Amino acid sequence: MAQVRFRVDECFDIPRRGGLVVLGTVLGTVLGPEPAGVPDFVDEQTGARLRLLGIDFPTPRTRRTGQAVFVLDRLDAAYACAGRTWISTG
């Protein structure tokens, strides 16, 4: 599977959502097959495994900017700060 690097650009905690809505930019991939389903990520700085709940639908804004939208467990809020980088684990 391709390894994906993802930089967090913004995070929103919308109370009625099941988790944090995280917008970010895919920084690049290492060649490999396209990922299928929800990828597993770790925080680049700490190596902490992230509890990604899902991939959200693109919005008109994210279609314009090319950003991806993930839903992250609120327990991992410390890793959803703008500027953090996540790396897929395979």
PDB file of N, CA and C in Angstrom:
ATOM      1  N   MET A   1       0.841  -1.178   0.000  1.00  0.00           N
ATOM      2  CA  MET A   1       0.000   0.000   0.000  1.00  0.00           C
ATOM      3  C   MET A   1       0.888   1.244   0.000  1.00  0.00           C
ATOM      4  N   ALA A   2       0.430   2.296  -0.637  1.00  0.00           N
ATOM      5  CA  ALA A   2       1.156   3.555  -0.659  1.00  0.00           C
ATOM      6  C   ALA A   2       1.163   4.196   0.729  1.00  0.00           C
ATOM      7  N   GLN A   3       2.310   4.753   1.108  1.00  0.00           N
ATOM      8  CA  GLN A   3       2.366   5.484   2.375  1.00  0.00           C
ATOM      9  C   GLN A   3       1.949   6.926   2.100  1.00  0.00           C
ATOM     10  N   VAL A   4       1.049   7.434   2.915  1.00  0.00           N
ATOM     11  CA  VAL A   4       0.499   8.776   2.734  1.00  0.00           C
ATOM     12  C   VAL A   4       0.959   9.664   3.875  1.00  0.00           C
ATOM     13  N   ARG A   5       1.406  10.893   3.540  1.00  0.00           N
ATOM     14  CA  ARG A   5       1.702  11.924   4.542  1.00  0.00           C
ATOM     15  C   ARG A   5       0.586  12.956   4.450  1.00  0.00           C
ATOM     16  N   PHE A   6       0.019  13.290   5.610  1.00  0.00           N
ATOM     17  CA  PHE A   6      -1.136  14.174   5.683  1.00  0.00           C
ATOM     18  C   PHE A   6      -0.840  15.274   6.685  1.00  0.00           C
ATOM     19  N   ARG A   7      -0.932  16.548   6.252  1.00  0.00           N
ATOM     20  CA  ARG A   7      -0.722  17.689   7.155  1.00  0.00           C
ATOM     21  C   ARG A   7      -2.074  18.241   7.589  1.00  0.00           C
ATOM     22  N   VAL A   8      -2.277  18.369   8.880  1.00  0.00           N
ATOM     23  CA  VAL A   8      -3.515  18.939   9.420  1.00  0.00           C
ATOM     24  C   VAL A   8      -3.516  20.445   9.159  1.00  0.00           C
ATOM     25  N   ASP A   9      -4.566  20.922   8.508  1.00  0.00           N
ATOM     26  CA  ASP A   9      -4.715  22.357   8.249  1.00  0.00           C
ATOM     27  C   ASP A   9      -5.689  23.007   9.227  1.00  0.00           C
ATOM     28  N   GLU A  10      -6.802  22.329   9.507  1.00  0.00           N
ATOM     29  CA  GLU A  10      -7.821  22.855  10.415  1.00  0.00           C
ATOM     30  C   GLU A  10      -8.539  21.708  11.090  1.00  0.00           C
ATOM     31  N   CYS A  11      -9.081  22.006  12.270  1.00  0.00           N
ATOM     32  CA  CYS A  11      -9.864  21.000  12.992  1.00  0.00           C
ATOM     33  C   CYS A  11     -11.100  21.676  13.570  1.00  0.00           C
ATOM     34  N   PHE A  12     -12.239  20.995  13.437  1.00  0.00           N
ATOM     35  CA  PHE A  12     -13.500  21.516  13.943  1.00  0.00           C
ATOM     36  C   PHE A  12     -14.130  20.487  14.872  1.00  0.00           C
ATOM     37  N   ASP A  13     -14.576  20.941  16.028  1.00  0.00           N
ATOM     38  CA  ASP A  13     -15.291  20.065  16.956  1.00  0.00           C
ATOM     39  C   ASP A  13     -16.761  20.470  16.924  1.00  0.00           C
ATOM     40  N   ILE A  14     -17.512  19.783  16.105  1.00  0.00           N
ATOM     41  CA  ILE A  14     -18.941  20.055  15.949  1.00  0.00           C
ATOM     42  C   ILE A  14     -19.671  19.081  16.872  1.00  0.00           C
ATOM     43  N   PRO A  15     -20.331  19.579  17.931  1.00  0.00           N
ATOM     44  CA  PRO A  15     -20.886  18.700  18.964  1.00  0.00           C
ATOM     45  C   PRO A  15     -21.749  17.550  18.452  1.00  0.00           C
ATOM     46  N   ARG A  16     -22.517  17.754  17.405  1.00  0.00           N
ATOM     47  CA  ARG A  16     -23.416  16.689  16.931  1.00  0.00           C
ATOM     48  C   ARG A  16     -22.714  15.646  16.068  1.00  0.00           C
ATOM     49  N   ARG A  17     -21.451  15.878  15.754  1.00  0.00           N
ATOM     50  CA  ARG A  17     -20.698  14.912  14.953  1.00  0.00           C
ATOM     51  C   ARG A  17     -20.099  13.852  15.877  1.00  0.00           C
ATOM     52  N   GLY A  18     -19.803  12.687  15.346  1.00  0.00           N
ATOM     53  CA  GLY A  18     -19.267  11.585  16.131  1.00  0.00           C
ATOM     54  C   GLY A  18     -17.802  11.738  16.483  1.00  0.00           C
ATOM     55  N   GLY A  19     -17.142  12.731  15.932  1.00  0.00           N
ATOM     56  CA  GLY A  19     -15.727  12.956  16.202  1.00  0.00           C
ATOM     57  C   GLY A  19     -15.319  14.313  15.674  1.00  0.00           C
ATOM     58  N   LEU A  20     -14.021  14.582  15.709  1.00  0.00           N
ATOM     59  CA  LEU A  20     -13.478  15.837  15.207  1.00  0.00           C
ATOM     60  C   LEU A  20     -13.413  15.797  13.689  1.00  0.00           C
ATOM     61  N   VAL A  21     -13.768  16.890  13.045  1.00  0.00           N
ATOM     62  CA  VAL A  21     -13.671  17.003  11.596  1.00  0.00           C
ATOM     63  C   VAL A  21     -12.327  17.661  11.291  1.00  0.00           C
ATOM     64  N   VAL A  22     -11.449  16.917  10.625  1.00  0.00           N
ATOM     65  CA  VAL A  22     -10.087  17.378  10.374  1.00  0.00           C
ATOM     66  C   VAL A  22      -9.892  17.572   8.869  1.00  0.00           C
ATOM     67  N   LEU A  23      -9.533  18.798   8.486  1.00  0.00           N
ATOM     68  CA  LEU A  23      -9.223  19.108   7.094  1.00  0.00           C
ATOM     69  C   LEU A  23      -7.721  19.184   6.959  1.00  0.00           C
ATOM     70  N   GLY A  24      -7.216  18.635   5.868  1.00  0.00           N
ATOM     71  CA  GLY A  24      -5.779  18.682   5.681  1.00  0.00           C
ATOM     72  C   GLY A  24      -5.370  18.423   4.250  1.00  0.00           C
ATOM     73  N   THR A  25      -4.067  18.465   4.050  1.00  0.00           N
ATOM     74  CA  THR A  25      -3.469  18.348   2.740  1.00  0.00           C
ATOM     75  C   THR A  25      -2.621  17.084   2.668  1.00  0.00           C
ATOM     76  N   VAL A  26      -2.822  16.311   1.622  1.00  0.00           N
ATOM     77  CA  VAL A  26      -1.960  15.154   1.392  1.00  0.00           C
ATOM     78  C   VAL A  26      -0.660  15.690   0.814  1.00  0.00           C
ATOM     79  N   LEU A  27       0.455  15.425   1.526  1.00  0.00           N
ATOM     80  CA  LEU A  27       1.747  15.982   1.146  1.00  0.00           C
ATOM     81  C   LEU A  27       2.462  15.140   0.111  1.00  0.00           C
ATOM     82  N   GLY A  28       2.108  13.901   0.022  1.00  0.00           N
ATOM     83  CA  GLY A  28       2.744  13.033  -0.958  1.00  0.00           C
ATOM     84  C   GLY A  28       2.573  11.594  -0.560  1.00  0.00           C
ATOM     85  N   THR A  29       2.874  10.731  -1.497  1.00  0.00           N
ATOM     86  CA  THR A  29       2.780   9.307  -1.241  1.00  0.00           C
ATOM     87  C   THR A  29       4.034   8.623  -1.753  1.00  0.00           C
ATOM     88  N   VAL A  30       4.339   7.489  -1.157  1.00  0.00           N
ATOM     89  CA  VAL A  30       5.380   6.620  -1.671  1.00  0.00           C
ATOM     90  C   VAL A  30       4.675   5.653  -2.600  1.00  0.00           C
ATOM     91  N   LEU A  31       5.253   5.372  -3.755  1.00  0.00           N
ATOM     92  CA  LEU A  31       4.581   4.537  -4.745  1.00  0.00           C
ATOM     93  C   LEU A  31       4.107   3.215  -4.163  1.00  0.00           C
ATOM     94  N   GLY A  32       2.931   2.846  -4.545  1.00  0.00           N
ATOM     95  CA  GLY A  32       2.330   1.598  -4.111  1.00  0.00           C
ATOM     96  C   GLY A  32       0.883   1.595  -4.541  1.00  0.00           C
ATOM     97  N   PRO A  33       0.158   0.517  -4.261  1.00  0.00           N
ATOM     98  CA  PRO A  33      -1.259   0.466  -4.646  1.00  0.00           C
ATOM     99  C   PRO A  33      -2.069   1.538  -3.934  1.00  0.00           C
ATOM    100  N   GLU A  34      -3.152   1.947  -4.542  1.00  0.00           N
ATOM    101  CA  GLU A  34      -4.057   2.921  -3.930  1.00  0.00           C
ATOM    102  C   GLU A  34      -4.658   2.342  -2.656  1.00  0.00           C
ATOM    103  N   PRO A  35      -4.759   3.144  -1.582  1.00  0.00           N
ATOM    104  CA  PRO A  35      -5.376   2.643  -0.360  1.00  0.00           C
ATOM    105  C   PRO A  35      -6.865   2.366  -0.562  1.00  0.00           C
ATOM    106  N   ALA A  36      -7.379   1.388   0.132  1.00  0.00           N
ATOM    107  CA  ALA A  36      -8.809   1.069   0.095  1.00  0.00           C
ATOM    108  C   ALA A  36      -9.344   1.188   1.512  1.00  0.00           C
ATOM    109  N   GLY A  37     -10.461   1.858   1.687  1.00  0.00           N
ATOM    110  CA  GLY A  37     -11.033   2.021   3.016  1.00  0.00           C
ATOM    111  C   GLY A  37     -10.357   3.141   3.793  1.00  0.00           C
ATOM    112  N   VAL A  38     -10.530   3.115   5.094  1.00  0.00           N
ATOM    113  CA  VAL A  38      -9.990   4.146   5.974  1.00  0.00           C
ATOM    114  C   VAL A  38      -8.541   3.781   6.326  1.00  0.00           C
ATOM    115  N   PRO A  39      -7.576   4.654   6.012  1.00  0.00           N
ATOM    116  CA  PRO A  39      -6.183   4.328   6.309  1.00  0.00           C
ATOM    117  C   PRO A  39      -5.898   4.407   7.811  1.00  0.00           C
ATOM    118  N   ASP A  40      -4.869   3.686   8.243  1.00  0.00           N
ATOM    119  CA  ASP A  40      -4.368   3.796   9.616  1.00  0.00           C
ATOM    120  C   ASP A  40      -3.259   4.840   9.612  1.00  0.00           C
ATOM    121  N   PHE A  41      -3.312   5.767  10.578  1.00  0.00           N
ATOM    122  CA  PHE A  41      -2.300   6.814  10.657  1.00  0.00           C
ATOM    123  C   PHE A  41      -1.628   6.808  12.024  1.00  0.00           C
ATOM    124  N   VAL A  42      -0.364   7.282  12.036  1.00  0.00           N
ATOM    125  CA  VAL A  42       0.338   7.601  13.272  1.00  0.00           C
ATOM    126  C   VAL A  42       0.768   9.062  13.178  1.00  0.00           C
ATOM    127  N   ASP A  43       0.931   9.679  14.339  1.00  0.00           N
ATOM    128  CA  ASP A  43       1.427  11.048  14.400  1.00  0.00           C
ATOM    129  C   ASP A  43       2.925  11.017  14.117  1.00  0.00           C
ATOM    130  N   GLU A  44       3.388  11.843  13.194  1.00  0.00           N
ATOM    131  CA  GLU A  44       4.802  11.822  12.801  1.00  0.00           C
ATOM    132  C   GLU A  44       5.726  12.169  13.968  1.00  0.00           C
ATOM    133  N   GLN A  45       5.331  13.115  14.795  1.00  0.00           N
ATOM    134  CA  GLN A  45       6.190  13.595  15.876  1.00  0.00           C
ATOM    135  C   GLN A  45       6.317  12.589  17.015  1.00  0.00           C
ATOM    136  N   THR A  46       5.217  11.943  17.389  1.00  0.00           N
ATOM    137  CA  THR A  46       5.229  11.076  18.575  1.00  0.00           C
ATOM    138  C   THR A  46       5.139   9.589  18.256  1.00  0.00           C
ATOM    139  N   GLY A  47       4.672   9.249  17.058  1.00  0.00           N
ATOM    140  CA  GLY A  47       4.450   7.844  16.713  1.00  0.00           C
ATOM    141  C   GLY A  47       3.157   7.289  17.279  1.00  0.00           C
ATOM    142  N   ALA A  48       2.354   8.149  17.911  1.00  0.00           N
ATOM    143  CA  ALA A  48       1.087   7.690  18.499  1.00  0.00           C
ATOM    144  C   ALA A  48       0.121   7.256  17.405  1.00  0.00           C
ATOM    145  N   ARG A  49      -0.517   6.122  17.626  1.00  0.00           N
ATOM    146  CA  ARG A  49      -1.507   5.597  16.672  1.00  0.00           C
ATOM    147  C   ARG A  49      -2.800   6.409  16.811  1.00  0.00           C
ATOM    148  N   LEU A  50      -3.353   6.854  15.686  1.00  0.00           N
ATOM    149  CA  LEU A  50      -4.551   7.680  15.695  1.00  0.00           C
ATOM    150  C   LEU A  50      -5.784   6.824  15.458  1.00  0.00           C
ATOM    151  N   ARG A  51      -6.878   7.214  16.103  1.00  0.00           N
ATOM    152  CA  ARG A  51      -8.152   6.513  15.944  1.00  0.00           C
ATOM    153  C   ARG A  51      -9.001   7.272  14.935  1.00  0.00           C
ATOM    154  N   LEU A  52      -8.783   6.952  13.675  1.00  0.00           N
ATOM    155  CA  LEU A  52      -9.527   7.578  12.594  1.00  0.00           C
ATOM    156  C   LEU A  52     -10.862   6.865  12.454  1.00  0.00           C
ATOM    157  N   LEU A  53     -11.948   7.628  12.523  1.00  0.00           N
ATOM    158  CA  LEU A  53     -13.282   7.043  12.471  1.00  0.00           C
ATOM    159  C   LEU A  53     -13.817   6.936  11.048  1.00  0.00           C
ATOM    160  N   GLY A  54     -13.339   7.800  10.168  1.00  0.00           N
ATOM    161  CA  GLY A  54     -13.839   7.741   8.801  1.00  0.00           C
ATOM    162  C   GLY A  54     -13.312   8.858   7.936  1.00  0.00           C
ATOM    163  N   ILE A  55     -13.703   8.769   6.680  1.00  0.00           N
ATOM    164  CA  ILE A  55     -13.397   9.797   5.697  1.00  0.00           C
ATOM    165  C   ILE A  55     -14.713  10.488   5.387  1.00  0.00           C
ATOM    166  N   ASP A  56     -14.715  11.816   5.453  1.00  0.00           N
ATOM    167  CA  ASP A  56     -15.956  12.558   5.230  1.00  0.00           C
ATOM    168  C   ASP A  56     -16.097  12.938   3.762  1.00  0.00           C
ATOM    169  N   PHE A  57     -17.313  13.284   3.385  1.00  0.00           N
ATOM    170  CA  PHE A  57     -17.592  13.690   2.017  1.00  0.00           C
ATOM    171  C   PHE A  57     -16.907  15.016   1.713  1.00  0.00           C
ATOM    172  N   PRO A  58     -16.413  15.194   0.485  1.00  0.00           N
ATOM    173  CA  PRO A  58     -15.835  16.489   0.110  1.00  0.00           C
ATOM    174  C   PRO A  58     -16.909  17.569   0.122  1.00  0.00           C
ATOM    175  N   THR A  59     -16.493  18.765   0.414  1.00  0.00           N
ATOM    176  CA  THR A  59     -17.381  19.923   0.370  1.00  0.00           C
ATOM    177  C   THR A  59     -16.989  20.774  -0.829  1.00  0.00           C
ATOM    178  N   PRO A  60     -17.795  21.758  -1.204  1.00  0.00           N
ATOM    179  CA  PRO A  60     -17.366  22.641  -2.298  1.00  0.00           C
ATOM    180  C   PRO A  60     -15.996  23.267  -2.013  1.00  0.00           C
ATOM    181  N   ARG A  61     -15.759  23.633  -0.773  1.00  0.00           N
ATOM    182  CA  ARG A  61     -14.466  24.236  -0.409  1.00  0.00           C
ATOM    183  C   ARG A  61     -13.321  23.250  -0.586  1.00  0.00           C
ATOM    184  N   THR A  62     -13.477  22.021  -0.067  1.00  0.00           N
ATOM    185  CA  THR A  62     -12.375  21.067  -0.166  1.00  0.00           C
ATOM    186  C   THR A  62     -12.164  20.605  -1.612  1.00  0.00           C
ATOM    187  N   ARG A  63     -13.187  20.655  -2.412  1.00  0.00           N
ATOM    188  CA  ARG A  63     -13.005  20.360  -3.847  1.00  0.00           C
ATOM    189  C   ARG A  63     -12.140  21.433  -4.502  1.00  0.00           C
ATOM    190  N   ARG A  64     -12.338  22.698  -4.099  1.00  0.00           N
ATOM    191  CA  ARG A  64     -11.524  23.801  -4.638  1.00  0.00           C
ATOM    192  C   ARG A  64     -10.086  23.719  -4.163  1.00  0.00           C
ATOM    193  N   THR A  65      -9.889  23.414  -2.880  1.00  0.00           N
ATOM    194  CA  THR A  65      -8.545  23.449  -2.291  1.00  0.00           C
ATOM    195  C   THR A  65      -7.786  22.139  -2.431  1.00  0.00           C
ATOM    196  N   GLY A  66      -8.503  21.046  -2.734  1.00  0.00           N
ATOM    197  CA  GLY A  66      -7.853  19.747  -2.838  1.00  0.00           C
ATOM    198  C   GLY A  66      -7.612  19.080  -1.494  1.00  0.00           C
ATOM    199  N   GLN A  67      -8.192  19.621  -0.434  1.00  0.00           N
ATOM    200  CA  GLN A  67      -8.010  19.049   0.901  1.00  0.00           C
ATOM    201  C   GLN A  67      -8.820  17.762   1.067  1.00  0.00           C
ATOM    202  N   ALA A  68      -8.357  16.946   2.008  1.00  0.00           N
ATOM    203  CA  ALA A  68      -9.081  15.744   2.413  1.00  0.00           C
ATOM    204  C   ALA A  68      -9.761  16.032   3.749  1.00  0.00           C
ATOM    205  N   VAL A  69     -10.836  15.291   4.032  1.00  0.00           N
ATOM    206  CA  VAL A  69     -11.598  15.485   5.263  1.00  0.00           C
ATOM    207  C   VAL A  69     -11.684  14.144   5.994  1.00  0.00           C
ATOM    208  N   PHE A  70     -11.135  14.100   7.204  1.00  0.00           N
ATOM    209  CA  PHE A  70     -11.189  12.896   8.031  1.00  0.00           C
ATOM    210  C   PHE A  70     -11.984  13.181   9.297  1.00  0.00           C
ATOM    211  N   VAL A  71     -12.551  12.143   9.882  1.00  0.00           N
ATOM    212  CA  VAL A  71     -13.212  12.244  11.183  1.00  0.00           C
ATOM    213  C   VAL A  71     -12.345  11.466  12.164  1.00  0.00           C
ATOM    214  N   LEU A  72     -11.884  12.161  13.208  1.00  0.00           N
ATOM    215  CA  LEU A  72     -10.948  11.618  14.184  1.00  0.00           C
ATOM    216  C   LEU A  72     -11.608  11.523  15.552  1.00  0.00           C
ATOM    217  N   ASP A  73     -11.327  10.469  16.278  1.00  0.00           N
ATOM    218  CA  ASP A  73     -11.846  10.304  17.633  1.00  0.00           C
ATOM    219  C   ASP A  73     -11.430  11.504  18.488  1.00  0.00           C
ATOM    220  N   ARG A  74     -12.345  12.012  19.302  1.00  0.00           N
ATOM    221  CA  ARG A  74     -12.047  13.161  20.155  1.00  0.00           C
ATOM    222  C   ARG A  74     -10.921  12.873  21.153  1.00  0.00           C
ATOM    223  N   LEU A  75     -10.690  11.613  21.467  1.00  0.00           N
ATOM    224  CA  LEU A  75      -9.590  11.261  22.377  1.00  0.00           C
ATOM    225  C   LEU A  75      -8.228  11.614  21.783  1.00  0.00           C
ATOM    226  N   ASP A  76      -8.166  11.793  20.478  1.00  0.00           N
ATOM    227  CA  ASP A  76      -6.916  12.126  19.796  1.00  0.00           C
ATOM    228  C   ASP A  76      -6.822  13.608  19.435  1.00  0.00           C
ATOM    229  N   ALA A  77      -7.552  14.457  20.126  1.00  0.00           N
ATOM    230  CA  ALA A  77      -7.590  15.889  19.807  1.00  0.00           C
ATOM    231  C   ALA A  77      -6.203  16.531  19.834  1.00  0.00           C
ATOM    232  N   ALA A  78      -5.302  16.063  20.667  1.00  0.00           N
ATOM    233  CA  ALA A  78      -3.964  16.650  20.761  1.00  0.00           C
ATOM    234  C   ALA A  78      -3.195  16.526  19.448  1.00  0.00           C
ATOM    235  N   TYR A  79      -3.568  15.573  18.603  1.00  0.00           N
ATOM    236  CA  TYR A  79      -2.867  15.341  17.343  1.00  0.00           C
ATOM    237  C   TYR A  79      -3.563  16.007  16.161  1.00  0.00           C
ATOM    238  N   ALA A  80      -4.619  16.763  16.428  1.00  0.00           N
ATOM    239  CA  ALA A  80      -5.389  17.401  15.363  1.00  0.00           C
ATOM    240  C   ALA A  80      -5.118  18.894  15.268  1.00  0.00           C
ATOM    241  N   CYS A  81      -3.989  19.335  15.803  1.00  0.00           N
ATOM    242  CA  CYS A  81      -3.624  20.756  15.745  1.00  0.00           C
ATOM    243  C   CYS A  81      -3.064  21.095  14.365  1.00  0.00           C
ATOM    244  N   ALA A  82      -3.364  22.286  13.880  1.00  0.00           N
ATOM    245  CA  ALA A  82      -2.853  22.721  12.589  1.00  0.00           C
ATOM    246  C   ALA A  82      -1.332  22.591  12.562  1.00  0.00           C
ATOM    247  N   GLY A  83      -0.837  22.028  11.470  1.00  0.00           N
ATOM    248  CA  GLY A  83       0.601  21.862  11.305  1.00  0.00           C
ATOM    249  C   GLY A  83       1.113  20.464  11.628  1.00  0.00           C
ATOM    250  N   ARG A  84       0.337  19.668  12.380  1.00  0.00           N
ATOM    251  CA  ARG A  84       0.760  18.293  12.675  1.00  0.00           C
ATOM    252  C   ARG A  84       0.763  17.479  11.389  1.00  0.00           C
ATOM    253  N   THR A  85       1.628  16.488  11.324  1.00  0.00           N
ATOM    254  CA  THR A  85       1.687  15.599  10.165  1.00  0.00           C
ATOM    255  C   THR A  85       1.418  14.174  10.615  1.00  0.00           C
ATOM    256  N   TRP A  86       0.572  13.507   9.860  1.00  0.00           N
ATOM    257  CA  TRP A  86       0.253  12.085  10.105  1.00  0.00           C
ATOM    258  C   TRP A  86       0.844  11.272   8.965  1.00  0.00           C
ATOM    259  N   ILE A  87       1.236  10.050   9.281  1.00  0.00           N
ATOM    260  CA  ILE A  87       1.778   9.138   8.275  1.00  0.00           C
ATOM    261  C   ILE A  87       0.983   7.845   8.309  1.00  0.00           C
ATOM    262  N   SER A  88       0.576   7.367   7.139  1.00  0.00           N
ATOM    263  CA  SER A  88      -0.160   6.102   7.097  1.00  0.00           C
ATOM    264  C   SER A  88       0.815   4.955   7.394  1.00  0.00           C
ATOM    265  N   THR A  89       0.266   3.914   7.984  1.00  0.00           N
ATOM    266  CA  THR A  89       1.112   2.801   8.418  1.00  0.00           C
ATOM    267  C   THR A  89       1.028   1.589   7.518  1.00  0.00           C
ATOM    268  N   GLY A  90       0.311   1.664   6.476  1.00  0.00           N
ATOM    269  CA  GLY A  90       0.301   0.514   5.567  1.00  0.00           C
ATOM    270  C   GLY A  90      -1.019   0.107   5.206  1.00  0.00           C
TER     271      GLY A  90
END
